[in-house]
């Protein structure tokens, strides 16, 4: 039990004193970057899916 208490105390101390937290503006910039990258990736996957769908429709209708 003493090991558990020591672990919790050391973890709390590390989170308060040794960890550097990003500023709010940095978090906003990172969030916007992730949002834009996700949208671009989703659009790319959608276009590839549409191309495969049309290619398979053409293939099955041709044969």
PDB file of N, CA and C in Angstrom:
ATOM      1  N   UNK A   1       0.829  -1.197   0.000  1.00  0.00           N
ATOM      2  CA  UNK A   1       0.000   0.000   0.000  1.00  0.00           C
ATOM      3  C   UNK A   1       0.865   1.250   0.000  1.00  0.00           C
ATOM      4  N   UNK A   2       2.011   1.195   0.710  1.00  0.00           N
ATOM      5  CA  UNK A   2       2.900   2.354   0.754  1.00  0.00           C
ATOM      6  C   UNK A   2       3.463   2.677  -0.624  1.00  0.00           C
ATOM      7  N   UNK A   3       3.713   1.634  -1.432  1.00  0.00           N
ATOM      8  CA  UNK A   3       4.212   1.866  -2.786  1.00  0.00           C
ATOM      9  C   UNK A   3       3.188   2.602  -3.625  1.00  0.00           C
ATOM     10  N   UNK A   4       1.929   2.250  -3.455  1.00  0.00           N
ATOM     11  CA  UNK A   4       0.868   2.899  -4.213  1.00  0.00           C
ATOM     12  C   UNK A   4       0.748   4.375  -3.822  1.00  0.00           C
ATOM     13  N   UNK A   5       0.776   4.666  -2.553  1.00  0.00           N
ATOM     14  CA  UNK A   5       0.681   6.042  -2.077  1.00  0.00           C
ATOM     15  C   UNK A   5       1.878   6.846  -2.584  1.00  0.00           C
ATOM     16  N   UNK A   6       3.069   6.274  -2.512  1.00  0.00           N
ATOM     17  CA  UNK A   6       4.268   6.959  -2.997  1.00  0.00           C
ATOM     18  C   UNK A   6       4.171   7.213  -4.490  1.00  0.00           C
ATOM     19  N   UNK A   7       3.653   6.239  -5.232  1.00  0.00           N
ATOM     20  CA  UNK A   7       3.495   6.405  -6.676  1.00  0.00           C
ATOM     21  C   UNK A   7       2.550   7.563  -6.999  1.00  0.00           C
ATOM     22  N   UNK A   8       1.415   7.623  -6.317  1.00  0.00           N
ATOM     23  CA  UNK A   8       0.439   8.686  -6.555  1.00  0.00           C
ATOM     24  C   UNK A   8       1.038  10.046  -6.209  1.00  0.00           C
ATOM     25  N   UNK A   9       1.746  10.140  -5.094  1.00  0.00           N
ATOM     26  CA  UNK A   9       2.362  11.415  -4.696  1.00  0.00           C
ATOM     27  C   UNK A   9       3.417  11.855  -5.704  1.00  0.00           C
ATOM     28  N   UNK A  10       4.259  10.929  -6.145  1.00  0.00           N
ATOM     29  CA  UNK A  10       5.295  11.267  -7.112  1.00  0.00           C
ATOM     30  C   UNK A  10       4.685  11.652  -8.458  1.00  0.00           C
ATOM     31  N   UNK A  11       3.631  10.969  -8.853  1.00  0.00           N
ATOM     32  CA  UNK A  11       2.958  11.298 -10.116  1.00  0.00           C
ATOM     33  C   UNK A  11       2.354  12.690 -10.053  1.00  0.00           C
ATOM     34  N   UNK A  12       1.720  13.017  -8.948  1.00  0.00           N
ATOM     35  CA  UNK A  12       1.130  14.338  -8.779  1.00  0.00           C
ATOM     36  C   UNK A  12       2.210  15.415  -8.816  1.00  0.00           C
ATOM     37  N   UNK A  13       3.315  15.179  -8.133  1.00  0.00           N
ATOM     38  CA  UNK A  13       4.410  16.148  -8.118  1.00  0.00           C
ATOM     39  C   UNK A  13       4.992  16.332  -9.514  1.00  0.00           C
ATOM     40  N   UNK A  14       5.134  15.252 -10.235  1.00  0.00           N
ATOM     41  CA  UNK A  14       5.671  15.350 -11.591  1.00  0.00           C
ATOM     42  C   UNK A  14       4.736  16.136 -12.502  1.00  0.00           C
ATOM     43  N   UNK A  15       3.440  15.921 -12.373  1.00  0.00           N
ATOM     44  CA  UNK A  15       2.472  16.639 -13.211  1.00  0.00           C
ATOM     45  C   UNK A  15       2.460  18.136 -12.903  1.00  0.00           C
ATOM     46  N   UNK A  16       2.696  18.501 -11.659  1.00  0.00           N
ATOM     47  CA  UNK A  16       2.669  19.915 -11.274  1.00  0.00           C
ATOM     48  C   UNK A  16       3.960  20.648 -11.576  1.00  0.00           C
ATOM     49  N   UNK A  17       5.103  19.985 -11.430  1.00  0.00           N
ATOM     50  CA  UNK A  17       6.366  20.720 -11.500  1.00  0.00           C
ATOM     51  C   UNK A  17       7.235  20.381 -12.702  1.00  0.00           C
ATOM     52  N   UNK A  18       7.161  19.179 -13.228  1.00  0.00           N
ATOM     53  CA  UNK A  18       8.095  18.766 -14.262  1.00  0.00           C
ATOM     54  C   UNK A  18       7.514  18.763 -15.667  1.00  0.00           C
ATOM     55  N   UNK A  19       6.220  18.829 -15.792  1.00  0.00           N
ATOM     56  CA  UNK A  19       5.577  18.797 -17.097  1.00  0.00           C
ATOM     57  C   UNK A  19       5.359  20.222 -17.580  1.00  0.00           C
ATOM     58  N   UNK A  20       5.702  20.468 -18.843  1.00  0.00           N
ATOM     59  CA  UNK A  20       5.401  21.778 -19.427  1.00  0.00           C
ATOM     60  C   UNK A  20       4.137  21.635 -20.269  1.00  0.00           C
ATOM     61  N   UNK A  21       3.145  22.415 -19.943  1.00  0.00           N
ATOM     62  CA  UNK A  21       1.872  22.361 -20.636  1.00  0.00           C
ATOM     63  C   UNK A  21       1.858  23.395 -21.751  1.00  0.00           C
ATOM     64  N   UNK A  22       1.263  23.076 -22.897  1.00  0.00           N
ATOM     65  CA  UNK A  22       1.218  24.049 -23.999  1.00  0.00           C
ATOM     66  C   UNK A  22       0.278  25.202 -23.675  1.00  0.00           C
ATOM     67  N   UNK A  23       0.561  26.323 -24.329  1.00  0.00           N
ATOM     68  CA  UNK A  23      -0.306  27.501 -24.163  1.00  0.00           C
ATOM     69  C   UNK A  23      -1.590  27.290 -24.953  1.00  0.00           C
ATOM     70  N   UNK A  24      -2.602  28.069 -24.595  1.00  0.00           N
ATOM     71  CA  UNK A  24      -3.911  27.931 -25.241  1.00  0.00           C
ATOM     72  C   UNK A  24      -3.806  28.184 -26.748  1.00  0.00           C
ATOM     73  N   UNK A  25      -3.009  29.190 -27.140  1.00  0.00           N
ATOM     74  CA  UNK A  25      -2.872  29.499 -28.569  1.00  0.00           C
ATOM     75  C   UNK A  25      -2.207  28.345 -29.326  1.00  0.00           C
ATOM     76  N   UNK A  26      -1.265  27.658 -28.694  1.00  0.00           N
ATOM     77  CA  UNK A  26      -0.640  26.498 -29.330  1.00  0.00           C
ATOM     78  C   UNK A  26      -1.646  25.374 -29.509  1.00  0.00           C
ATOM     79  N   UNK A  27      -2.509  25.186 -28.531  1.00  0.00           N
ATOM     80  CA  UNK A  27      -3.546  24.157 -28.637  1.00  0.00           C
ATOM     81  C   UNK A  27      -4.522  24.476 -29.757  1.00  0.00           C
ATOM     82  N   UNK A  28      -4.886  25.756 -29.896  1.00  0.00           N
ATOM     83  CA  UNK A  28      -5.784  26.151 -30.969  1.00  0.00           C
ATOM     84  C   UNK A  28      -5.156  25.869 -32.328  1.00  0.00           C
ATOM     85  N   UNK A  29      -3.875  26.242 -32.473  1.00  0.00           N
ATOM     86  CA  UNK A  29      -3.196  26.006 -33.747  1.00  0.00           C
ATOM     87  C   UNK A  29      -3.118  24.529 -34.080  1.00  0.00           C
ATOM     88  N   UNK A  30      -2.820  23.716 -33.106  1.00  0.00           N
ATOM     89  CA  UNK A  30      -2.748  22.271 -33.325  1.00  0.00           C
ATOM     90  C   UNK A  30      -4.124  21.701 -33.673  1.00  0.00           C
ATOM     91  N   UNK A  31      -5.149  22.195 -33.019  1.00  0.00           N
ATOM     92  CA  UNK A  31      -6.502  21.713 -33.292  1.00  0.00           C
ATOM     93  C   UNK A  31      -6.938  22.058 -34.707  1.00  0.00           C
ATOM     94  N   UNK A  32      -6.624  23.265 -35.147  1.00  0.00           N
ATOM     95  CA  UNK A  32      -6.970  23.668 -36.512  1.00  0.00           C
ATOM     96  C   UNK A  32      -6.215  22.810 -37.519  1.00  0.00           C
ATOM     97  N   UNK A  33      -4.945  22.549 -37.251  1.00  0.00           N
ATOM     98  CA  UNK A  33      -4.146  21.715 -38.142  1.00  0.00           C
ATOM     99  C   UNK A  33      -4.735  20.309 -38.254  1.00  0.00           C
ATOM    100  N   UNK A  34      -5.129  19.732 -37.139  1.00  0.00           N
ATOM    101  CA  UNK A  34      -5.718  18.392 -37.156  1.00  0.00           C
ATOM    102  C   UNK A  34      -7.051  18.402 -37.897  1.00  0.00           C
ATOM    103  N   UNK A  35      -7.858  19.427 -37.689  1.00  0.00           N
ATOM    104  CA  UNK A  35      -9.147  19.525 -38.375  1.00  0.00           C
ATOM    105  C   UNK A  35      -8.969  19.619 -39.883  1.00  0.00           C
ATOM    106  N   UNK A  36      -8.074  20.481 -40.333  1.00  0.00           N
ATOM    107  CA  UNK A  36      -7.845  20.659 -41.771  1.00  0.00           C
ATOM    108  C   UNK A  36      -7.277  19.375 -42.379  1.00  0.00           C
ATOM    109  N   UNK A  37      -6.309  18.761 -41.714  1.00  0.00           N
ATOM    110  CA  UNK A  37      -5.734  17.514 -42.226  1.00  0.00           C
ATOM    111  C   UNK A  37      -6.795  16.410 -42.296  1.00  0.00           C
ATOM    112  N   UNK A  38      -7.670  16.342 -41.317  1.00  0.00           N
ATOM    113  CA  UNK A  38      -8.733  15.334 -41.315  1.00  0.00           C
ATOM    114  C   UNK A  38      -9.699  15.557 -42.467  1.00  0.00           C
ATOM    115  N   UNK A  39     -10.044  16.804 -42.716  1.00  0.00           N
ATOM    116  CA  UNK A  39     -10.958  17.104 -43.833  1.00  0.00           C
ATOM    117  C   UNK A  39     -10.322  16.760 -45.176  1.00  0.00           C
ATOM    118  N   UNK A  40      -9.053  17.107 -45.351  1.00  0.00           N
ATOM    119  CA  UNK A  40      -8.362  16.786 -46.606  1.00  0.00           C
ATOM    120  C   UNK A  40      -8.298  15.271 -46.794  1.00  0.00           C
ATOM    121  N   UNK A  41      -7.956  14.549 -45.735  1.00  0.00           N
ATOM    122  CA  UNK A  41      -7.885  13.094 -45.816  1.00  0.00           C
ATOM    123  C   UNK A  41      -9.256  12.498 -46.135  1.00  0.00           C
ATOM    124  N   UNK A  42     -10.300  13.009 -45.520  1.00  0.00           N
ATOM    125  CA  UNK A  42     -11.660  12.505 -45.771  1.00  0.00           C
ATOM    126  C   UNK A  42     -12.073  12.759 -47.220  1.00  0.00           C
ATOM    127  N   UNK A  43     -11.756  13.941 -47.738  1.00  0.00           N
ATOM    128  CA  UNK A  43     -12.079  14.241 -49.137  1.00  0.00           C
ATOM    129  C   UNK A  43     -11.314  13.318 -50.080  1.00  0.00           C
ATOM    130  N   UNK A  44     -10.040  13.082 -49.800  1.00  0.00           N
ATOM    131  CA  UNK A  44      -9.237  12.187 -50.631  1.00  0.00           C
ATOM    132  C   UNK A  44      -9.825  10.781 -50.638  1.00  0.00           C
ATOM    133  N   UNK A  45     -10.160  10.268 -49.473  1.00  0.00           N
ATOM    134  CA  UNK A  45     -10.746   8.922 -49.383  1.00  0.00           C
ATOM    135  C   UNK A  45     -12.086   8.884 -50.117  1.00  0.00           C
ATOM    136  N   UNK A  46     -12.875   9.944 -50.006  1.00  0.00           N
ATOM    137  CA  UNK A  46     -14.153   9.992 -50.712  1.00  0.00           C
ATOM    138  C   UNK A  46     -13.983   9.970 -52.225  1.00  0.00           C
ATOM    139  N   UNK A  47     -13.000  10.701 -52.737  1.00  0.00           N
ATOM    140  CA  UNK A  47     -12.752  10.722 -54.179  1.00  0.00           C
ATOM    141  C   UNK A  47     -12.260   9.357 -54.657  1.00  0.00           C
ATOM    142  N   UNK A  48     -11.362   8.737 -53.907  1.00  0.00           N
ATOM    143  CA  UNK A  48     -10.870   7.401 -54.281  1.00  0.00           C
ATOM    144  C   UNK A  48     -12.020   6.396 -54.252  1.00  0.00           C
ATOM    145  N   UNK A  49     -12.877   6.466 -53.254  1.00  0.00           N
ATOM    146  CA  UNK A  49     -14.028   5.563 -53.165  1.00  0.00           C
ATOM    147  C   UNK A  49     -14.965   5.754 -54.354  1.00  0.00           C
ATOM    148  N   UNK A  50     -15.224   7.000 -54.715  1.00  0.00           N
ATOM    149  CA  UNK A  50     -16.084   7.290 -55.864  1.00  0.00           C
ATOM    150  C   UNK A  50     -15.464   6.762 -57.153  1.00  0.00           C
ATOM    151  N   UNK A  51     -14.165   6.918 -57.306  1.00  0.00           N
ATOM    152  CA  UNK A  51     -13.488   6.419 -58.510  1.00  0.00           C
ATOM    153  C   UNK A  51     -13.578   4.902 -58.592  1.00  0.00           C
ATOM    154  N   UNK A  52     -13.332   4.207 -57.486  1.00  0.00           N
ATOM    155  CA  UNK A  52     -13.443   2.751 -57.499  1.00  0.00           C
ATOM    156  C   UNK A  52     -14.883   2.306 -57.768  1.00  0.00           C
ATOM    157  N   UNK A  53     -15.837   3.008 -57.199  1.00  0.00           N
ATOM    158  CA  UNK A  53     -17.244   2.651 -57.434  1.00  0.00           C
ATOM    159  C   UNK A  53     -17.587   2.770 -58.912  1.00  0.00           C
ATOM    160  N   UNK A  54     -17.187   3.864 -59.531  1.00  0.00           N
ATOM    161  CA  UNK A  54     -17.482   4.053 -60.953  1.00  0.00           C
ATOM    162  C   UNK A  54     -16.713   3.070 -61.824  1.00  0.00           C
ATOM    163  N   UNK A  55     -15.481   2.774 -61.463  1.00  0.00           N
ATOM    164  CA  UNK A  55     -14.698   1.813 -62.240  1.00  0.00           C
ATOM    165  C   UNK A  55     -15.320   0.422 -62.166  1.00  0.00           C
ATOM    166  N   UNK A  56     -15.765   0.033 -60.988  1.00  0.00           N
ATOM    167  CA  UNK A  56     -16.385  -1.287 -60.857  1.00  0.00           C
ATOM    168  C   UNK A  56     -17.736  -1.351 -61.570  1.00  0.00           C
ATOM    169  N   UNK A  57     -18.506  -0.259 -61.519  1.00  0.00           N
ATOM    170  CA  UNK A  57     -19.776  -0.242 -62.261  1.00  0.00           C
ATOM    171  C   UNK A  57     -19.511  -0.398 -63.750  1.00  0.00           C
ATOM    172  N   UNK A  58     -18.522   0.330 -64.261  1.00  0.00           N
ATOM    173  CA  UNK A  58     -18.190   0.220 -65.691  1.00  0.00           C
ATOM    174  C   UNK A  58     -17.740  -1.197 -66.021  1.00  0.00           C
ATOM    175  N   UNK A  59     -16.899  -1.783 -65.163  1.00  0.00           N
ATOM    176  CA  UNK A  59     -16.382  -3.117 -65.401  1.00  0.00           C
ATOM    177  C   UNK A  59     -17.501  -4.149 -65.438  1.00  0.00           C
ATOM    178  N   UNK A  60     -18.406  -4.090 -64.447  1.00  0.00           N
ATOM    179  CA  UNK A  60     -19.491  -5.082 -64.397  1.00  0.00           C
ATOM    180  C   UNK A  60     -20.501  -4.889 -65.511  1.00  0.00           C
ATOM    181  N   UNK A  61     -20.724  -3.659 -65.938  1.00  0.00           N
ATOM    182  CA  UNK A  61     -21.657  -3.414 -67.053  1.00  0.00           C
ATOM    183  C   UNK A  61     -21.033  -3.791 -68.394  1.00  0.00           C
ATOM    184  N   UNK A  62     -19.712  -3.708 -68.504  1.00  0.00           N
ATOM    185  CA  UNK A  62     -19.046  -4.044 -69.768  1.00  0.00           C
ATOM    186  C   UNK A  62     -18.982  -5.554 -69.967  1.00  0.00           C
ATOM    187  N   UNK A  63     -18.933  -6.298 -68.901  1.00  0.00           N
ATOM    188  CA  UNK A  63     -18.790  -7.751 -69.032  1.00  0.00           C
ATOM    189  C   UNK A  63     -19.995  -8.389 -68.492  1.00  0.00           C
TER     190      UNK A  63
END
